[in-house]
Amino acid sequence: MAVAAVLSLQLISAGQLRLCGAVLIGALLDFFYFLSTAARLEAAANSPVAQAKKIMLVGLLLRLGMVFAILAVAVHISAELFLAAAVSFGVFYLTTLFVLARAEVKKNF
């Protein structure tokens, strides 16, 4: 959430208050993307290999479709809104991946 606060404060200080909503959209998009990924991994871990591959493939298509749909709506509203939402999603996605990778490295086996 610190990233969202920094992005929002930068937009407010630049006089782009209306783009703060796009930052929130990007953050929520990453949140639901992450939840969907976690749910698919949980389902795949408890399934046979063939079914797990299918679960992960369908999950990937659904997640990419969700990202495409949200960003497609944003680009129809304005290019600035699209860029703010896309950059926000990218920043939150990379932050999420970094946190997960760091947690995995610190895990003791």
PDB file of N, CA and C in Angstrom:
ATOM      1  N   MET A   1       0.818  -1.197   0.000  1.00  0.00           N
ATOM      2  CA  MET A   1       0.000   0.000   0.000  1.00  0.00           C
ATOM      3  C   MET A   1       0.857   1.255   0.000  1.00  0.00           C
ATOM      4  N   ALA A   2       2.104   1.111   0.452  1.00  0.00           N
ATOM      5  CA  ALA A   2       2.992   2.267   0.447  1.00  0.00           C
ATOM      6  C   ALA A   2       3.243   2.734  -0.982  1.00  0.00           C
ATOM      7  N   VAL A   3       3.306   1.778  -1.895  1.00  0.00           N
ATOM      8  CA  VAL A   3       3.523   2.121  -3.304  1.00  0.00           C
ATOM      9  C   VAL A   3       2.335   2.919  -3.825  1.00  0.00           C
ATOM     10  N   ALA A   4       1.126   2.507  -3.472  1.00  0.00           N
ATOM     11  CA  ALA A   4      -0.071   3.233  -3.906  1.00  0.00           C
ATOM     12  C   ALA A   4      -0.082   4.646  -3.339  1.00  0.00           C
ATOM     13  N   ALA A   5       0.333   4.774  -2.094  1.00  0.00           N
ATOM     14  CA  ALA A   5       0.361   6.101  -1.482  1.00  0.00           C
ATOM     15  C   ALA A   5       1.367   7.003  -2.173  1.00  0.00           C
ATOM     16  N   VAL A   6       2.543   6.469  -2.487  1.00  0.00           N
ATOM     17  CA  VAL A   6       3.564   7.265  -3.172  1.00  0.00           C
ATOM     18  C   VAL A   6       3.087   7.673  -4.563  1.00  0.00           C
ATOM     19  N   LEU A   7       2.516   6.707  -5.307  1.00  0.00           N
ATOM     20  CA  LEU A   7       2.011   7.032  -6.647  1.00  0.00           C
ATOM     21  C   LEU A   7       0.899   8.071  -6.578  1.00  0.00           C
ATOM     22  N   SER A   8       0.012   7.919  -5.622  1.00  0.00           N
ATOM     23  CA  SER A   8      -1.091   8.877  -5.478  1.00  0.00           C
ATOM     24  C   SER A   8      -0.583  10.260  -5.101  1.00  0.00           C
ATOM     25  N   LEU A   9       0.369  10.335  -4.187  1.00  0.00           N
ATOM     26  CA  LEU A   9       0.922  11.627  -3.793  1.00  0.00           C
ATOM     27  C   LEU A   9       1.650  12.307  -4.950  1.00  0.00           C
ATOM     28  N   GLN A  10       2.335  11.518  -5.769  1.00  0.00           N
ATOM     29  CA  GLN A  10       3.006  12.098  -6.935  1.00  0.00           C
ATOM     30  C   GLN A  10       1.987  12.655  -7.924  1.00  0.00           C
ATOM     31  N   LEU A  11       0.893  11.932  -8.110  1.00  0.00           N
ATOM     32  CA  LEU A  11      -0.147  12.418  -9.022  1.00  0.00           C
ATOM     33  C   LEU A  11      -0.826  13.666  -8.474  1.00  0.00           C
ATOM     34  N   ILE A  12      -1.092  13.682  -7.183  1.00  0.00           N
ATOM     35  CA  ILE A  12      -1.734  14.851  -6.575  1.00  0.00           C
ATOM     36  C   ILE A  12      -0.820  16.065  -6.677  1.00  0.00           C
ATOM     37  N   SER A  13       0.475  15.868  -6.396  1.00  0.00           N
ATOM     38  CA  SER A  13       1.399  17.001  -6.466  1.00  0.00           C
ATOM     39  C   SER A  13       1.592  17.489  -7.896  1.00  0.00           C
ATOM     40  N   ALA A  14       1.357  16.623  -8.875  1.00  0.00           N
ATOM     41  CA  ALA A  14       1.460  17.022 -10.279  1.00  0.00           C
ATOM     42  C   ALA A  14       0.142  17.618 -10.790  1.00  0.00           C
ATOM     43  N   GLY A  15      -0.869  17.671  -9.925  1.00  0.00           N
ATOM     44  CA  GLY A  15      -2.156  18.241 -10.324  1.00  0.00           C
ATOM     45  C   GLY A  15      -3.034  17.275 -11.102  1.00  0.00           C
ATOM     46  N   GLN A  16      -2.764  15.986 -11.002  1.00  0.00           N
ATOM     47  CA  GLN A  16      -3.529  14.967 -11.725  1.00  0.00           C
ATOM     48  C   GLN A  16      -4.371  14.144 -10.751  1.00  0.00           C
ATOM     49  N   LEU A  17      -5.222  14.818 -10.020  1.00  0.00           N
ATOM     50  CA  LEU A  17      -6.039  14.164  -8.994  1.00  0.00           C
ATOM     51  C   LEU A  17      -6.930  13.076  -9.590  1.00  0.00           C
ATOM     52  N   ARG A  18      -7.417  13.293 -10.803  1.00  0.00           N
ATOM     53  CA  ARG A  18      -8.342  12.318 -11.403  1.00  0.00           C
ATOM     54  C   ARG A  18      -7.671  10.989 -11.740  1.00  0.00           C
ATOM     55  N   LEU A  19      -6.339  10.968 -11.816  1.00  0.00           N
ATOM     56  CA  LEU A  19      -5.644   9.723 -12.127  1.00  0.00           C
ATOM     57  C   LEU A  19      -5.394   8.862 -10.896  1.00  0.00           C
ATOM     58  N   CYS A  20      -5.704   9.391  -9.715  1.00  0.00           N
ATOM     59  CA  CYS A  20      -5.564   8.590  -8.497  1.00  0.00           C
ATOM     60  C   CYS A  20      -6.492   7.376  -8.546  1.00  0.00           C
ATOM     61  N   GLY A  21      -7.642   7.524  -9.157  1.00  0.00           N
ATOM     62  CA  GLY A  21      -8.559   6.398  -9.338  1.00  0.00           C
ATOM     63  C   GLY A  21      -7.952   5.314 -10.206  1.00  0.00           C
ATOM     64  N   ALA A  22      -7.177   5.727 -11.210  1.00  0.00           N
ATOM     65  CA  ALA A  22      -6.516   4.750 -12.071  1.00  0.00           C
ATOM     66  C   ALA A  22      -5.460   3.966 -11.307  1.00  0.00           C
ATOM     67  N   VAL A  23      -4.785   4.633 -10.369  1.00  0.00           N
ATOM     68  CA  VAL A  23      -3.813   3.938  -9.520  1.00  0.00           C
ATOM     69  C   VAL A  23      -4.541   2.898  -8.668  1.00  0.00           C
ATOM     70  N   LEU A  24      -5.695   3.268  -8.139  1.00  0.00           N
ATOM     71  CA  LEU A  24      -6.497   2.329  -7.354  1.00  0.00           C
ATOM     72  C   LEU A  24      -6.969   1.163  -8.228  1.00  0.00           C
ATOM     73  N   ILE A  25      -7.380   1.452  -9.453  1.00  0.00           N
ATOM     74  CA  ILE A  25      -7.803   0.386 -10.371  1.00  0.00           C
ATOM     75  C   ILE A  25      -6.657  -0.577 -10.628  1.00  0.00           C
ATOM     76  N   GLY A  26      -5.462  -0.044 -10.873  1.00  0.00           N
ATOM     77  CA  GLY A  26      -4.296  -0.900 -11.096  1.00  0.00           C
ATOM     78  C   GLY A  26      -3.967  -1.747  -9.880  1.00  0.00           C
ATOM     79  N   ALA A  27      -4.074  -1.156  -8.688  1.00  0.00           N
ATOM     80  CA  ALA A  27      -3.801  -1.893  -7.450  1.00  0.00           C
ATOM     81  C   ALA A  27      -4.829  -3.010  -7.244  1.00  0.00           C
ATOM     82  N   LEU A  28      -6.096  -2.700  -7.462  1.00  0.00           N
ATOM     83  CA  LEU A  28      -7.142  -3.720  -7.311  1.00  0.00           C
ATOM     84  C   LEU A  28      -7.015  -4.813  -8.361  1.00  0.00           C
ATOM     85  N   LEU A  29      -6.622  -4.427  -9.571  1.00  0.00           N
ATOM     86  CA  LEU A  29      -6.414  -5.413 -10.629  1.00  0.00           C
ATOM     87  C   LEU A  29      -5.312  -6.390 -10.225  1.00  0.00           C
ATOM     88  N   ASP A  30      -4.216  -5.881  -9.677  1.00  0.00           N
ATOM     89  CA  ASP A  30      -3.149  -6.764  -9.221  1.00  0.00           C
ATOM     90  C   ASP A  30      -3.608  -7.622  -8.058  1.00  0.00           C
ATOM     91  N   PHE A  31      -4.402  -7.060  -7.146  1.00  0.00           N
ATOM     92  CA  PHE A  31      -4.898  -7.819  -6.002  1.00  0.00           C
ATOM     93  C   PHE A  31      -5.725  -9.019  -6.472  1.00  0.00           C
ATOM     94  N   PHE A  32      -6.662  -8.791  -7.396  1.00  0.00           N
ATOM     95  CA  PHE A  32      -7.488  -9.895  -7.886  1.00  0.00           C
ATOM     96  C   PHE A  32      -6.683 -10.856  -8.756  1.00  0.00           C
ATOM     97  N   TYR A  33      -5.697 -10.346  -9.478  1.00  0.00           N
ATOM     98  CA  TYR A  33      -4.805 -11.200 -10.264  1.00  0.00           C
ATOM     99  C   TYR A  33      -4.049 -12.139  -9.326  1.00  0.00           C
ATOM    100  N   PHE A  34      -3.538 -11.584  -8.235  1.00  0.00           N
ATOM    101  CA  PHE A  34      -2.802 -12.388  -7.267  1.00  0.00           C
ATOM    102  C   PHE A  34      -3.706 -13.422  -6.605  1.00  0.00           C
ATOM    103  N   LEU A  35      -4.916 -13.019  -6.201  1.00  0.00           N
ATOM    104  CA  LEU A  35      -5.839 -13.968  -5.580  1.00  0.00           C
ATOM    105  C   LEU A  35      -6.209 -15.100  -6.536  1.00  0.00           C
ATOM    106  N   SER A  36      -6.431 -14.775  -7.789  1.00  0.00           N
ATOM    107  CA  SER A  36      -6.751 -15.783  -8.789  1.00  0.00           C
ATOM    108  C   SER A  36      -5.582 -16.746  -8.981  1.00  0.00           C
ATOM    109  N   THR A  37      -4.372 -16.208  -9.018  1.00  0.00           N
ATOM    110  CA  THR A  37      -3.194 -17.057  -9.162  1.00  0.00           C
ATOM    111  C   THR A  37      -3.054 -17.996  -7.973  1.00  0.00           C
ATOM    112  N   ALA A  38      -3.230 -17.467  -6.778  1.00  0.00           N
ATOM    113  CA  ALA A  38      -3.114 -18.288  -5.567  1.00  0.00           C
ATOM    114  C   ALA A  38      -4.175 -19.393  -5.549  1.00  0.00           C
ATOM    115  N   ALA A  39      -5.395 -19.054  -5.935  1.00  0.00           N
ATOM    116  CA  ALA A  39      -6.466 -20.055  -5.955  1.00  0.00           C
ATOM    117  C   ALA A  39      -6.179 -21.147  -6.988  1.00  0.00           C
ATOM    118  N   ARG A  40      -5.678 -20.748  -8.145  1.00  0.00           N
ATOM    119  CA  ARG A  40      -5.353 -21.740  -9.185  1.00  0.00           C
ATOM    120  C   ARG A  40      -4.194 -22.629  -8.757  1.00  0.00           C
ATOM    121  N   LEU A  41      -3.198 -22.061  -8.093  1.00  0.00           N
ATOM    122  CA  LEU A  41      -2.074 -22.868  -7.616  1.00  0.00           C
ATOM    123  C   LEU A  41      -2.527 -23.858  -6.549  1.00  0.00           C
ATOM    124  N   GLU A  42      -3.415 -23.410  -5.678  1.00  0.00           N
ATOM    125  CA  GLU A  42      -3.958 -24.298  -4.643  1.00  0.00           C
ATOM    126  C   GLU A  42      -4.724 -25.458  -5.274  1.00  0.00           C
ATOM    127  N   ALA A  43      -5.549 -25.144  -6.263  1.00  0.00           N
ATOM    128  CA  ALA A  43      -6.323 -26.192  -6.936  1.00  0.00           C
ATOM    129  C   ALA A  43      -5.414 -27.140  -7.717  1.00  0.00           C
ATOM    130  N   ALA A  44      -4.393 -26.585  -8.363  1.00  0.00           N
ATOM    131  CA  ALA A  44      -3.487 -27.417  -9.165  1.00  0.00           C
ATOM    132  C   ALA A  44      -2.616 -28.310  -8.287  1.00  0.00           C
ATOM    133  N   ALA A  45      -2.266 -27.840  -7.102  1.00  0.00           N
ATOM    134  CA  ALA A  45      -1.405 -28.621  -6.210  1.00  0.00           C
ATOM    135  C   ALA A  45      -2.100 -29.882  -5.721  1.00  0.00           C
ATOM    136  N   ASN A  46      -3.416 -29.848  -5.672  1.00  0.00           N
ATOM    137  CA  ASN A  46      -4.176 -30.997  -5.174  1.00  0.00           C
ATOM    138  C   ASN A  46      -4.829 -31.791  -6.297  1.00  0.00           C
ATOM    139  N   SER A  47      -4.287 -31.709  -7.511  1.00  0.00           N
ATOM    140  CA  SER A  47      -4.874 -32.385  -8.662  1.00  0.00           C
ATOM    141  C   SER A  47      -3.822 -33.235  -9.370  1.00  0.00           C
ATOM    142  N   PRO A  48      -4.269 -34.213 -10.158  1.00  0.00           N
ATOM    143  CA  PRO A  48      -3.323 -34.960 -10.989  1.00  0.00           C
ATOM    144  C   PRO A  48      -2.662 -34.032 -12.014  1.00  0.00           C
ATOM    145  N   VAL A  49      -1.539 -34.459 -12.567  1.00  0.00           N
ATOM    146  CA  VAL A  49      -0.737 -33.595 -13.438  1.00  0.00           C
ATOM    147  C   VAL A  49      -1.520 -33.080 -14.638  1.00  0.00           C
ATOM    148  N   ALA A  50      -2.238 -33.940 -15.329  1.00  0.00           N
ATOM    149  CA  ALA A  50      -2.983 -33.505 -16.526  1.00  0.00           C
ATOM    150  C   ALA A  50      -4.038 -32.462 -16.166  1.00  0.00           C
ATOM    151  N   GLN A  51      -4.740 -32.700 -15.095  1.00  0.00           N
ATOM    152  CA  GLN A  51      -5.766 -31.750 -14.672  1.00  0.00           C
ATOM    153  C   GLN A  51      -5.134 -30.455 -14.164  1.00  0.00           C
ATOM    154  N   ALA A  52      -3.993 -30.548 -13.499  1.00  0.00           N
ATOM    155  CA  ALA A  52      -3.304 -29.360 -12.997  1.00  0.00           C
ATOM    156  C   ALA A  52      -2.856 -28.457 -14.151  1.00  0.00           C
ATOM    157  N   LYS A  53      -2.369 -29.062 -15.233  1.00  0.00           N
ATOM    158  CA  LYS A  53      -1.969 -28.275 -16.408  1.00  0.00           C
ATOM    159  C   LYS A  53      -3.163 -27.534 -16.989  1.00  0.00           C
ATOM    160  N   LYS A  54      -4.294 -28.212 -17.051  1.00  0.00           N
ATOM    161  CA  LYS A  54      -5.508 -27.591 -17.580  1.00  0.00           C
ATOM    162  C   LYS A  54      -5.971 -26.447 -16.664  1.00  0.00           C
ATOM    163  N   ILE A  55      -5.927 -26.670 -15.373  1.00  0.00           N
ATOM    164  CA  ILE A  55      -6.329 -25.641 -14.412  1.00  0.00           C
ATOM    165  C   ILE A  55      -5.460 -24.405 -14.568  1.00  0.00           C
ATOM    166  N   MET A  56      -4.152 -24.604 -14.674  1.00  0.00           N
ATOM    167  CA  MET A  56      -3.233 -23.469 -14.795  1.00  0.00           C
ATOM    168  C   MET A  56      -3.412 -22.739 -16.122  1.00  0.00           C
ATOM    169  N   LEU A  57      -3.656 -23.474 -17.208  1.00  0.00           N
ATOM    170  CA  LEU A  57      -3.854 -22.842 -18.511  1.00  0.00           C
ATOM    171  C   LEU A  57      -5.142 -22.021 -18.537  1.00  0.00           C
ATOM    172  N   VAL A  58      -6.218 -22.588 -18.033  1.00  0.00           N
ATOM    173  CA  VAL A  58      -7.489 -21.855 -17.973  1.00  0.00           C
ATOM    174  C   VAL A  58      -7.340 -20.633 -17.069  1.00  0.00           C
ATOM    175  N   GLY A  59      -6.646 -20.799 -15.947  1.00  0.00           N
ATOM    176  CA  GLY A  59      -6.422 -19.680 -15.036  1.00  0.00           C
ATOM    177  C   GLY A  59      -5.623 -18.565 -15.686  1.00  0.00           C
ATOM    178  N   LEU A  60      -4.594 -18.932 -16.441  1.00  0.00           N
ATOM    179  CA  LEU A  60      -3.797 -17.923 -17.145  1.00  0.00           C
ATOM    180  C   LEU A  60      -4.645 -17.153 -18.140  1.00  0.00           C
ATOM    181  N   LEU A  61      -5.458 -17.867 -18.899  1.00  0.00           N
ATOM    182  CA  LEU A  61      -6.321 -17.203 -19.886  1.00  0.00           C
ATOM    183  C   LEU A  61      -7.336 -16.282 -19.216  1.00  0.00           C
ATOM    184  N   LEU A  62      -7.897 -16.722 -18.099  1.00  0.00           N
ATOM    185  CA  LEU A  62      -8.854 -15.882 -17.371  1.00  0.00           C
ATOM    186  C   LEU A  62      -8.183 -14.635 -16.801  1.00  0.00           C
ATOM    187  N   ARG A  63      -6.987 -14.791 -16.243  1.00  0.00           N
ATOM    188  CA  ARG A  63      -6.284 -13.635 -15.680  1.00  0.00           C
ATOM    189  C   ARG A  63      -5.885 -12.644 -16.764  1.00  0.00           C
ATOM    190  N   LEU A  64      -5.369 -13.148 -17.871  1.00  0.00           N
ATOM    191  CA  LEU A  64      -5.002 -12.248 -18.969  1.00  0.00           C
ATOM    192  C   LEU A  64      -6.234 -11.570 -19.562  1.00  0.00           C
ATOM    193  N   GLY A  65      -7.345 -12.298 -19.631  1.00  0.00           N
ATOM    194  CA  GLY A  65      -8.592 -11.704 -20.104  1.00  0.00           C
ATOM    195  C   GLY A  65      -9.080 -10.602 -19.174  1.00  0.00           C
ATOM    196  N   MET A  66      -8.924 -10.818 -17.868  1.00  0.00           N
ATOM    197  CA  MET A  66      -9.320  -9.809 -16.887  1.00  0.00           C
ATOM    198  C   MET A  66      -8.474  -8.548 -17.055  1.00  0.00           C
ATOM    199  N   VAL A  67      -7.165  -8.706 -17.184  1.00  0.00           N
ATOM    200  CA  VAL A  67      -6.269  -7.554 -17.370  1.00  0.00           C
ATOM    201  C   VAL A  67      -6.615  -6.831 -18.666  1.00  0.00           C
ATOM    202  N   PHE A  68      -6.825  -7.586 -19.741  1.00  0.00           N
ATOM    203  CA  PHE A  68      -7.159  -6.981 -21.030  1.00  0.00           C
ATOM    204  C   PHE A  68      -8.471  -6.205 -20.950  1.00  0.00           C
ATOM    205  N   ALA A  69      -9.481  -6.787 -20.315  1.00  0.00           N
ATOM    206  CA  ALA A  69     -10.795  -6.129 -20.240  1.00  0.00           C
ATOM    207  C   ALA A  69     -10.714  -4.811 -19.474  1.00  0.00           C
ATOM    208  N   ILE A  70     -10.047  -4.818 -18.330  1.00  0.00           N
ATOM    209  CA  ILE A  70      -9.946  -3.598 -17.526  1.00  0.00           C
ATOM    210  C   ILE A  70      -9.157  -2.528 -18.272  1.00  0.00           C
ATOM    211  N   LEU A  71      -8.026  -2.912 -18.853  1.00  0.00           N
ATOM    212  CA  LEU A  71      -7.208  -1.928 -19.558  1.00  0.00           C
ATOM    213  C   LEU A  71      -7.866  -1.470 -20.863  1.00  0.00           C
ATOM    214  N   ALA A  72      -8.662  -2.329 -21.497  1.00  0.00           N
ATOM    215  CA  ALA A  72      -9.386  -1.919 -22.705  1.00  0.00           C
ATOM    216  C   ALA A  72     -10.431  -0.859 -22.378  1.00  0.00           C
ATOM    217  N   VAL A  73     -11.112  -1.029 -21.263  1.00  0.00           N
ATOM    218  CA  VAL A  73     -12.077  -0.009 -20.836  1.00  0.00           C
ATOM    219  C   VAL A  73     -11.349   1.293 -20.517  1.00  0.00           C
ATOM    220  N   ALA A  74     -10.217   1.184 -19.841  1.00  0.00           N
ATOM    221  CA  ALA A  74      -9.454   2.384 -19.472  1.00  0.00           C
ATOM    222  C   ALA A  74      -8.962   3.130 -20.703  1.00  0.00           C
ATOM    223  N   VAL A  75      -8.529   2.427 -21.741  1.00  0.00           N
ATOM    224  CA  VAL A  75      -8.018   3.103 -22.938  1.00  0.00           C
ATOM    225  C   VAL A  75      -9.141   3.797 -23.695  1.00  0.00           C
ATOM    226  N   HIS A  76     -10.365   3.286 -23.593  1.00  0.00           N
ATOM    227  CA  HIS A  76     -11.498   3.953 -24.241  1.00  0.00           C
ATOM    228  C   HIS A  76     -11.899   5.226 -23.504  1.00  0.00           C
ATOM    229  N   ILE A  77     -11.596   5.310 -22.222  1.00  0.00           N
ATOM    230  CA  ILE A  77     -11.910   6.523 -21.470  1.00  0.00           C
ATOM    231  C   ILE A  77     -10.896   7.608 -21.803  1.00  0.00           C
ATOM    232  N   SER A  78      -9.611   7.303 -21.626  1.00  0.00           N
ATOM    233  CA  SER A  78      -8.558   8.246 -22.030  1.00  0.00           C
ATOM    234  C   SER A  78      -7.215   7.533 -22.013  1.00  0.00           C
ATOM    235  N   ALA A  79      -6.293   8.046 -22.801  1.00  0.00           N
ATOM    236  CA  ALA A  79      -4.955   7.457 -22.860  1.00  0.00           C
ATOM    237  C   ALA A  79      -4.220   7.644 -21.535  1.00  0.00           C
ATOM    238  N   GLU A  80      -4.436   8.779 -20.883  1.00  0.00           N
ATOM    239  CA  GLU A  80      -3.793   9.022 -19.585  1.00  0.00           C
ATOM    240  C   GLU A  80      -4.274   8.030 -18.537  1.00  0.00           C
ATOM    241  N   LEU A  81      -5.572   7.756 -18.522  1.00  0.00           N
ATOM    242  CA  LEU A  81      -6.129   6.799 -17.568  1.00  0.00           C
ATOM    243  C   LEU A  81      -5.561   5.413 -17.823  1.00  0.00           C
ATOM    244  N   PHE A  82      -5.460   5.040 -19.104  1.00  0.00           N
ATOM    245  CA  PHE A  82      -4.894   3.744 -19.462  1.00  0.00           C
ATOM    246  C   PHE A  82      -3.455   3.633 -18.970  1.00  0.00           C
ATOM    247  N   LEU A  83      -2.650   4.645 -19.253  1.00  0.00           N
ATOM    248  CA  LEU A  83      -1.247   4.599 -18.843  1.00  0.00           C
ATOM    249  C   LEU A  83      -1.111   4.540 -17.328  1.00  0.00           C
ATOM    250  N   ALA A  84      -1.912   5.311 -16.616  1.00  0.00           N
ATOM    251  CA  ALA A  84      -1.846   5.295 -15.154  1.00  0.00           C
ATOM    252  C   ALA A  84      -2.241   3.923 -14.610  1.00  0.00           C
ATOM    253  N   ALA A  85      -3.302   3.331 -15.140  1.00  0.00           N
ATOM    254  CA  ALA A  85      -3.743   2.008 -14.673  1.00  0.00           C
ATOM    255  C   ALA A  85      -2.729   0.929 -15.036  1.00  0.00           C
ATOM    256  N   ALA A  86      -2.182   0.994 -16.255  1.00  0.00           N
ATOM    257  CA  ALA A  86      -1.214  -0.015 -16.695  1.00  0.00           C
ATOM    258  C   ALA A  86       0.082   0.077 -15.897  1.00  0.00           C
ATOM    259  N   VAL A  87       0.577   1.288 -15.688  1.00  0.00           N
ATOM    260  CA  VAL A  87       1.809   1.455 -14.907  1.00  0.00           C
ATOM    261  C   VAL A  87       1.575   1.035 -13.457  1.00  0.00           C
ATOM    262  N   SER A  88       0.434   1.395 -12.911  1.00  0.00           N
ATOM    263  CA  SER A  88       0.107   1.005 -11.543  1.00  0.00           C
ATOM    264  C   SER A  88       0.042  -0.518 -11.419  1.00  0.00           C
ATOM    265  N   PHE A  89      -0.632  -1.165 -12.359  1.00  0.00           N
ATOM    266  CA  PHE A  89      -0.694  -2.634 -12.335  1.00  0.00           C
ATOM    267  C   PHE A  89       0.706  -3.221 -12.440  1.00  0.00           C
ATOM    268  N   GLY A  90       1.520  -2.690 -13.333  1.00  0.00           N
ATOM    269  CA  GLY A  90       2.879  -3.203 -13.500  1.00  0.00           C
ATOM    270  C   GLY A  90       3.715  -3.047 -12.247  1.00  0.00           C
ATOM    271  N   VAL A  91       3.622  -1.897 -11.615  1.00  0.00           N
ATOM    272  CA  VAL A  91       4.384  -1.660 -10.383  1.00  0.00           C
ATOM    273  C   VAL A  91       3.927  -2.604  -9.280  1.00  0.00           C
ATOM    274  N   PHE A  92       2.632  -2.745  -9.112  1.00  0.00           N
ATOM    275  CA  PHE A  92       2.128  -3.636  -8.069  1.00  0.00           C
ATOM    276  C   PHE A  92       2.436  -5.096  -8.386  1.00  0.00           C
ATOM    277  N   TYR A  93       2.368  -5.474  -9.647  1.00  0.00           N
ATOM    278  CA  TYR A  93       2.676  -6.848 -10.049  1.00  0.00           C
ATOM    279  C   TYR A  93       4.145  -7.167  -9.749  1.00  0.00           C
ATOM    280  N   LEU A  94       5.046  -6.264 -10.130  1.00  0.00           N
ATOM    281  CA  LEU A  94       6.464  -6.489  -9.857  1.00  0.00           C
ATOM    282  C   LEU A  94       6.752  -6.506  -8.357  1.00  0.00           C
ATOM    283  N   THR A  95       6.068  -5.649  -7.612  1.00  0.00           N
ATOM    284  CA  THR A  95       6.231  -5.643  -6.156  1.00  0.00           C
ATOM    285  C   THR A  95       5.764  -6.969  -5.560  1.00  0.00           C
ATOM    286  N   THR A  96       4.635  -7.467  -6.040  1.00  0.00           N
ATOM    287  CA  THR A  96       4.110  -8.748  -5.560  1.00  0.00           C
ATOM    288  C   THR A  96       5.082  -9.881  -5.877  1.00  0.00           C
ATOM    289  N   LEU A  97       5.610  -9.899  -7.100  1.00  0.00           N
ATOM    290  CA  LEU A  97       6.566 -10.942  -7.464  1.00  0.00           C
ATOM    291  C   LEU A  97       7.827 -10.865  -6.608  1.00  0.00           C
ATOM    292  N   PHE A  98       8.312  -9.649  -6.344  1.00  0.00           N
ATOM    293  CA  PHE A  98       9.494  -9.481  -5.516  1.00  0.00           C
ATOM    294  C   PHE A  98       9.247 -10.001  -4.105  1.00  0.00           C
ATOM    295  N   VAL A  99       8.112  -9.665  -3.530  1.00  0.00           N
ATOM    296  CA  VAL A  99       7.788 -10.120  -2.174  1.00  0.00           C
ATOM    297  C   VAL A  99       7.677 -11.643  -2.129  1.00  0.00           C
ATOM    298  N   LEU A 100       7.031 -12.241  -3.124  1.00  0.00           N
ATOM    299  CA  LEU A 100       6.901 -13.700  -3.149  1.00  0.00           C
ATOM    300  C   LEU A 100       8.256 -14.380  -3.329  1.00  0.00           C
ATOM    301  N   ALA A 101       9.089 -13.842  -4.203  1.00  0.00           N
ATOM    302  CA  ALA A 101      10.405 -14.423  -4.430  1.00  0.00           C
ATOM    303  C   ALA A 101      11.268 -14.308  -3.175  1.00  0.00           C
ATOM    304  N   ARG A 102      11.189 -13.175  -2.516  1.00  0.00           N
ATOM    305  CA  ARG A 102      11.963 -12.974  -1.291  1.00  0.00           C
ATOM    306  C   ARG A 102      11.491 -13.932  -0.191  1.00  0.00           C
ATOM    307  N   ALA A 103      10.188 -14.131  -0.088  1.00  0.00           N
ATOM    308  CA  ALA A 103       9.661 -15.055   0.909  1.00  0.00           C
ATOM    309  C   ALA A 103      10.104 -16.491   0.600  1.00  0.00           C
ATOM    310  N   GLU A 104      10.168 -16.831  -0.672  1.00  0.00           N
ATOM    311  CA  GLU A 104      10.568 -18.172  -1.078  1.00  0.00           C
ATOM    312  C   GLU A 104      12.058 -18.404  -0.785  1.00  0.00           C
ATOM    313  N   VAL A 105      12.875 -17.385  -0.998  1.00  0.00           N
ATOM    314  CA  VAL A 105      14.311 -17.505  -0.737  1.00  0.00           C
ATOM    315  C   VAL A 105      14.573 -17.672   0.760  1.00  0.00           C
ATOM    316  N   LYS A 106      13.804 -16.976   1.573  1.00  0.00           N
ATOM    317  CA  LYS A 106      14.007 -17.055   3.031  1.00  0.00           C
ATOM    318  C   LYS A 106      13.414 -18.320   3.654  1.00  0.00           C
ATOM    319  N   LYS A 107      12.645 -19.076   2.864  1.00  0.00           N
ATOM    320  CA  LYS A 107      12.004 -20.280   3.394  1.00  0.00           C
ATOM    321  C   LYS A 107      13.070 -21.336   3.692  1.00  0.00           C
ATOM    322  N   ASN A 108      12.998 -21.946   4.839  1.00  0.00           N
ATOM    323  CA  ASN A 108      13.932 -23.014   5.218  1.00  0.00           C
ATOM    324  C   ASN A 108      13.315 -24.356   4.857  1.00  0.00           C
ATOM    325  N   PHE A 109      14.082 -25.152   4.139  1.00  0.00           N
ATOM    326  CA  PHE A 109      13.589 -26.479   3.743  1.00  0.00           C
ATOM    327  C   PHE A 109      14.128 -27.536   4.647  1.00  0.00           C
TER     328      PHE A 109
END
